[in-house]
C-alpha atoms as a PDB file:
ATOM      1  CA  ALA A   1     101.336 213.267  74.218  1.00  0.00           C
ATOM      2  CA  GLN A   2      98.166 215.263  74.986  1.00  0.00           C
ATOM      3  CA  LEU A   3      99.521 218.303  73.129  1.00  0.00           C
ATOM      4  CA  ALA A   4     100.320 216.157  70.106  1.00  0.00           C
ATOM      5  CA  GLU A   5      96.795 214.680  70.215  1.00  0.00           C
ATOM      6  CA  LEU A   6      95.268 218.181  70.359  1.00  0.00           C
ATOM      7  CA  GLU A   7      97.365 219.241  67.367  1.00  0.00           C
ATOM      8  CA  LEU A   8      96.323 216.151  65.362  1.00  0.00           C
ATOM      9  CA  ARG A   9      92.631 216.700  66.178  1.00  0.00           C
ATOM     10  CA  LEU A  10      92.828 220.304  65.022  1.00  0.00           C
ATOM     11  CA  LEU A  11      94.584 219.235  61.803  1.00  0.00           C
ATOM     12  CA  ASP A  12      91.985 216.492  61.219  1.00  0.00           C
ATOM     13  CA  VAL A  13      89.143 218.978  60.894  1.00  0.00           C
ATOM     14  CA  GLY A  14      90.674 220.129  57.616  1.00  0.00           C
ATOM     15  CA  VAL A  15      89.882 223.852  57.855  1.00  0.00           C
ATOM     16  CA  TYR A  16      93.316 224.992  59.042  1.00  0.00           C
ATOM     17  CA  ARG A  17      96.340 225.450  56.822  1.00  0.00           C
ATOM     18  CA  SER A  18      98.690 225.350  59.800  1.00  0.00           C
ATOM     19  CA  VAL A  19      98.344 224.281  63.437  1.00  0.00           C
ATOM     20  CA  THR A  20     100.936 224.779  66.180  1.00  0.00           C
ATOM     21  CA  VAL A  21     100.379 223.686  69.773  1.00  0.00           C
ATOM     22  CA  ALA A  22     102.990 224.314  72.479  1.00  0.00           C
ATOM     23  CA  LEU A  23     103.327 224.905  76.208  1.00  0.00           C
ATOM     24  CA  ALA A  24     103.799 228.522  77.280  1.00  0.00           C
ATOM     25  CA  PRO A  25     107.204 229.406  78.785  1.00  0.00           C
ATOM     26  CA  ALA A  26     107.881 228.147  82.324  1.00  0.00           C
ATOM     27  CA  ASP A  27     107.780 231.702  83.727  1.00  0.00           C
ATOM     28  CA  ARG A  28     104.036 231.859  82.888  1.00  0.00           C
ATOM     29  CA  MET A  29     103.196 228.941  85.207  1.00  0.00           C
ATOM     30  CA  THR A  30     100.070 229.433  87.333  1.00  0.00           C
ATOM     31  CA  PRO A  31     100.162 229.254  91.160  1.00  0.00           C
ATOM     32  CA  GLU A  32      98.630 225.751  90.846  1.00  0.00           C
ATOM     33  CA  GLY A  33     101.681 224.643  88.848  1.00  0.00           C
ATOM     34  CA  LEU A  34      99.930 224.578  85.462  1.00  0.00           C
ATOM     35  CA  ARG A  35     101.333 226.021  82.258  1.00  0.00           C
ATOM     36  CA  PRO A  36      99.037 227.593  79.655  1.00  0.00           C
ATOM     37  CA  VAL A  37      98.842 226.028  76.214  1.00  0.00           C
ATOM     38  CA  ALA A  38      99.586 228.293  73.248  1.00  0.00           C
ATOM     39  CA  VAL A  39      97.612 227.385  70.110  1.00  0.00           C
ATOM     40  CA  ASN A  40      98.354 229.088  66.798  1.00  0.00           C
ATOM     41  CA  LEU A  41      95.865 228.454  63.972  1.00  0.00           C
ATOM     42  CA  GLN A  42      96.020 229.671  60.386  1.00  0.00           C
ATOM     43  CA  GLU A  43      92.793 229.150  58.491  1.00  0.00           C
ATOM     44  CA  ARG A  44      92.964 227.942  54.941  1.00  0.00           C
ATOM     45  CA  ARG A  45      91.067 229.535  52.113  1.00  0.00           C
ATOM     46  CA  PRO A  46      87.337 228.773  52.281  1.00  0.00           C
ATOM     47  CA  TYR A  47      87.547 226.742  49.070  1.00  0.00           C
ATOM     48  CA  THR A  48      89.954 224.758  46.918  1.00  0.00           C
ATOM     49  CA  LEU A  49      89.469 224.076  43.229  1.00  0.00           C
ATOM     50  CA  GLU A  50      91.209 221.077  41.675  1.00  0.00           C
ATOM     51  CA  ALA A  51      91.128 220.314  37.965  1.00  0.00           C
ATOM     52  CA  GLY A  52      92.783 217.796  35.726  1.00  0.00           C
ATOM     53  CA  VAL A  53      92.704 216.137  32.346  1.00  0.00           C
ATOM     54  CA  SER A  54      93.244 212.460  31.727  1.00  0.00           C
ATOM     55  CA  TYR A  55      93.526 209.875  29.042  1.00  0.00           C
ATOM     56  CA  SER A  56      93.229 206.124  29.397  1.00  0.00           C
ATOM     57  CA  THR A  57      92.784 203.309  26.949  1.00  0.00           C
ATOM     58  CA  THR A  58      89.552 202.252  28.676  1.00  0.00           C
ATOM     59  CA  ASP A  59      87.800 205.625  29.289  1.00  0.00           C
ATOM     60  CA  GLY A  60      89.418 207.762  26.591  1.00  0.00           C
ATOM     61  CA  ALA A  61      89.997 211.472  27.188  1.00  0.00           C
ATOM     62  CA  GLY A  62      88.444 213.095  30.231  1.00  0.00           C
ATOM     63  CA  VAL A  63      88.193 216.090  32.538  1.00  0.00           C
ATOM     64  CA  ASP A  64      88.027 215.963  36.350  1.00  0.00           C
ATOM     65  CA  VAL A  65      87.033 218.903  38.564  1.00  0.00           C
ATOM     66  CA  ARG A  66      86.681 218.986  42.367  1.00  0.00           C
ATOM     67  CA  LEU A  67      85.522 221.939  44.425  1.00  0.00           C
ATOM     68  CA  LEU A  68      86.083 221.687  48.176  1.00  0.00           C
ATOM     69  CA  ASN A  69      84.329 224.149  50.500  1.00  0.00           C
ATOM     70  CA  PHE A  70      85.654 224.365  54.051  1.00  0.00           C
ATOM     71  CA  ASN A  71      83.710 225.355  57.175  1.00  0.00           C
ATOM     72  CA  ARG A  72      80.644 226.652  55.294  1.00  0.00           C
ATOM     73  CA  MET A  73      78.292 225.656  58.119  1.00  0.00           C
ATOM     74  CA  GLY A  74      80.666 226.665  60.914  1.00  0.00           C
ATOM     75  CA  ARG A  75      81.100 223.034  62.099  1.00  0.00           C
ATOM     76  CA  PHE A  76      84.557 222.397  60.585  1.00  0.00           C
ATOM     77  CA  ASP A  77      82.714 220.722  57.720  1.00  0.00           C
ATOM     78  CA  THR A  78      84.022 219.991  54.245  1.00  0.00           C
ATOM     79  CA  ILE A  79      81.631 219.947  51.294  1.00  0.00           C
ATOM     80  CA  THR A  80      83.096 218.343  48.168  1.00  0.00           C
ATOM     81  CA  TYR A  81      81.612 218.602  44.686  1.00  0.00           C
ATOM     82  CA  THR A  82      83.080 216.262  42.065  1.00  0.00           C
ATOM     83  CA  PHE A  83      82.529 216.383  38.309  1.00  0.00           C
ATOM     84  CA  LYS A  84      84.022 213.901  35.860  1.00  0.00           C
ATOM     85  CA  ALA A  85      83.401 213.774  32.142  1.00  0.00           C
ATOM     86  CA  ALA A  86      85.173 211.245  29.956  1.00  0.00           C
ATOM     87  CA  GLU A  87      84.302 209.601  26.685  1.00  0.00           C
ATOM     88  CA  ILE A  88      82.755 206.639  28.504  1.00  0.00           C
ATOM     89  CA  GLN A  89      82.302 207.557  32.176  1.00  0.00           C
ATOM     90  CA  GLN A  90      80.536 210.619  33.607  1.00  0.00           C
ATOM     91  CA  ARG A  91      79.960 211.468  37.279  1.00  0.00           C
ATOM     92  CA  LEU A  92      78.492 214.291  39.353  1.00  0.00           C
ATOM     93  CA  ASP A  93      78.797 213.892  43.129  1.00  0.00           C
ATOM     94  CA  ALA A  94      78.450 215.885  46.359  1.00  0.00           C
ATOM     95  CA  GLU A  95      79.642 214.898  49.842  1.00  0.00           C
ATOM     96  CA  LEU A  96      79.401 216.501  53.288  1.00  0.00           C
ATOM     97  CA  SER A  97      82.066 215.499  55.813  1.00  0.00           C
ATOM     98  CA  LEU A  98      81.733 216.385  59.515  1.00  0.00           C
ATOM     99  CA  PRO A  99      84.839 215.677  61.623  1.00  0.00           C
ATOM    100  CA  HIS A 100      84.538 214.858  65.336  1.00  0.00           C
ATOM    101  CA  TRP A 101      80.836 214.136  64.848  1.00  0.00           C
ATOM    102  CA  ARG A 102      79.206 213.394  68.221  1.00  0.00           C
ATOM    103  CA  ARG A 103      82.601 212.471  69.707  1.00  0.00           C
ATOM    104  CA  PRO A 104      86.309 213.018  69.083  1.00  0.00           C
ATOM    105  CA  ASN A 105      87.941 210.995  66.292  1.00  0.00           C
ATOM    106  CA  GLN A 106      84.630 210.178  64.620  1.00  0.00           C
ATOM    107  CA  ARG A 107      83.672 211.462  61.158  1.00  0.00           C
ATOM    108  CA  LEU A 108      80.270 211.479  59.453  1.00  0.00           C
ATOM    109  CA  ARG A 109      80.110 211.477  55.656  1.00  0.00           C
ATOM    110  CA  ILE A 110      76.885 211.950  53.703  1.00  0.00           C
ATOM    111  CA  GLY A 111      76.922 211.937  49.924  1.00  0.00           C
ATOM    112  CA  ALA A 112      74.897 211.555  46.761  1.00  0.00           C
ATOM    113  CA  GLY A 113      75.689 211.453  43.096  1.00  0.00           C
ATOM    114  CA  PHE A 114      74.759 210.656  39.535  1.00  0.00           C
ATOM    115  CA  SER A 115      76.844 208.438  37.282  1.00  0.00           C
ATOM    116  CA  GLY A 116      76.738 207.298  33.721  1.00  0.00           C
ATOM    117  CA  ASN A 117      78.623 205.141  31.263  1.00  0.00           C
ATOM    118  CA  ARG A 118      78.165 205.517  27.503  1.00  0.00           C
ATOM    119  CA  THR A 119      79.532 202.707  25.373  1.00  0.00           C
ATOM    120  CA  ASP A 120      78.805 201.244  21.969  1.00  0.00           C
ATOM    121  CA  ALA A 121      77.090 198.256  23.586  1.00  0.00           C
ATOM    122  CA  TYR A 122      75.057 199.919  26.362  1.00  0.00           C
ATOM    123  CA  ASN A 123      74.334 203.112  28.266  1.00  0.00           C
ATOM    124  CA  ASP A 124      74.297 202.842  32.061  1.00  0.00           C
ATOM    125  CA  TYR A 125      72.802 205.558  34.310  1.00  0.00           C
ATOM    126  CA  GLY A 126      72.612 205.596  38.079  1.00  0.00           C
ATOM    127  CA  PHE A 127      71.957 207.589  41.217  1.00  0.00           C
ATOM    128  CA  GLY A 128      73.318 206.745  44.640  1.00  0.00           C
ATOM    129  CA  VAL A 129      73.211 208.004  48.216  1.00  0.00           C
ATOM    130  CA  ARG A 130      75.537 207.032  51.038  1.00  0.00           C
ATOM    131  CA  VAL A 131      76.046 207.544  54.757  1.00  0.00           C
ATOM    132  CA  ASP A 132      79.262 206.550  56.468  1.00  0.00           C
ATOM    133  CA  VAL A 133      80.581 206.925  60.030  1.00  0.00           C
ATOM    134  CA  GLU A 134      84.310 206.425  60.596  1.00  0.00           C
ATOM    135  CA  ARG A 135      85.726 206.034  64.102  1.00  0.00           C
ATOM    136  CA  ARG A 136      89.467 206.232  64.701  1.00  0.00           C
ATOM    137  CA  PHE A 137      90.443 204.161  67.743  1.00  0.00           C
ATOM    138  CA  VAL A 138      94.225 204.503  67.818  1.00  0.00           C
ATOM    139  CA  ARG A 139      96.277 205.909  64.977  1.00  0.00           C
ATOM    140  CA  PRO A 140      96.274 204.352  62.351  1.00  0.00           C
ATOM    141  CA  ILE A 141      93.528 201.854  63.367  1.00  0.00           C
ATOM    142  CA  PHE A 142      89.951 202.835  62.552  1.00  0.00           C
ATOM    143  CA  GLY A 143      86.557 201.277  61.939  1.00  0.00           C
ATOM    144  CA  THR A 144      83.804 202.233  59.490  1.00  0.00           C
ATOM    145  CA  ILE A 145      80.109 201.489  59.322  1.00  0.00           C
ATOM    146  CA  GLY A 146      77.853 202.801  56.606  1.00  0.00           C
ATOM    147  CA  SER A 147      75.121 202.154  54.113  1.00  0.00           C
ATOM    148  CA  TYR A 148      74.852 202.778  50.415  1.00  0.00           C
ATOM    149  CA  LEU A 149      71.823 202.816  48.143  1.00  0.00           C
ATOM    150  CA  THR A 150      72.318 202.755  44.383  1.00  0.00           C
ATOM    151  CA  VAL A 151      69.533 202.856  41.821  1.00  0.00           C
ATOM    152  CA  GLY A 152      70.344 202.512  38.161  1.00  0.00           C
ATOM    153  CA  ALA A 153      69.087 201.706  34.728  1.00  0.00           C
ATOM    154  CA  THR A 154      70.916 200.164  31.800  1.00  0.00           C
ATOM    155  CA  LEU A 155      69.924 200.724  28.207  1.00  0.00           C
ATOM    156  CA  ASP A 156      71.244 197.647  26.408  1.00  0.00           C
ATOM    157  CA  TYR A 157      71.338 197.628  22.615  1.00  0.00           C
ATOM    158  CA  VAL A 158      70.302 194.216  21.343  1.00  0.00           C
ATOM    159  CA  ALA A 159      71.354 193.700  17.750  1.00  0.00           C
ATOM    160  CA  THR A 160      68.939 192.030  15.391  1.00  0.00           C
ATOM    161  CA  TYR A 161      70.246 190.081  12.439  1.00  0.00           C
ATOM    162  CA  ASP A 162      67.580 191.058   9.962  1.00  0.00           C
ATOM    163  CA  LYS A 163      67.838 194.828  10.617  1.00  0.00           C
ATOM    164  CA  THR A 164      70.689 197.242  11.131  1.00  0.00           C
ATOM    165  CA  VAL A 165      68.824 199.169  13.886  1.00  0.00           C
ATOM    166  CA  ALA A 166      69.518 198.218  17.508  1.00  0.00           C
ATOM    167  CA  VAL A 167      66.552 197.443  19.762  1.00  0.00           C
ATOM    168  CA  PRO A 168      66.644 199.199  23.160  1.00  0.00           C
ATOM    169  CA  ASP A 169      66.289 196.962  26.215  1.00  0.00           C
ATOM    170  CA  TRP A 170      66.005 198.760  29.601  1.00  0.00           C
ATOM    171  CA  GLN A 171      67.177 196.912  32.709  1.00  0.00           C
ATOM    172  CA  ASN A 172      66.558 198.528  36.120  1.00  0.00           C
ATOM    173  CA  LEU A 173      68.703 197.815  39.145  1.00  0.00           C
ATOM    174  CA  GLY A 174      68.577 198.689  42.836  1.00  0.00           C
ATOM    175  CA  ILE A 175      71.343 197.840  45.299  1.00  0.00           C
ATOM    176  CA  PHE A 176      71.368 198.436  49.054  1.00  0.00           C
ATOM    177  CA  THR A 177      74.697 197.795  50.773  1.00  0.00           C
ATOM    178  CA  LEU A 178      75.652 197.783  54.430  1.00  0.00           C
ATOM    179  CA  LEU A 179      79.344 198.260  55.076  1.00  0.00           C
ATOM    180  CA  GLY A 180      81.352 197.436  58.154  1.00  0.00           C
ATOM    181  CA  ALA A 181      85.132 197.508  58.214  1.00  0.00           C
ATOM    182  CA  PHE A 182      87.866 197.445  60.809  1.00  0.00           C
END
């Protein structure tokens, strides 16, 4: 059970393509009766690029790109950059994920991003930051606590009946959210 837990913890960090954990052969037992543990790790490439195209009846045509950087800071970290451009929705986001932060089975995520929606009726722009700590108690049970701050502005086009030109109406919005989940 302890070997399986070690293997799962090493896989959870996300920087290894393959992890194998096994006891050494019985003939390598120490005089104290202990057997060494053999760990075989294969690192993955330092980055992964994902790209896709989409079409939906609500957002129209779009392009999605994600770039994941692994272990850039030498702390088994993952830095994810996300870019989405569709006819209506646009998003640019970055997130840092640190596995086993301060203790085993605990992950810290810090992120920030810009978002926008362009429609015939309004244009919505926003910026948000987030911090999230996830603690896994027993597989698959985990708890999360975090906070999110979103600041945005909406440009609403108010139609006037005597003119064909829309009148811009800016509405500003700020949202602070605390999240707790189990």
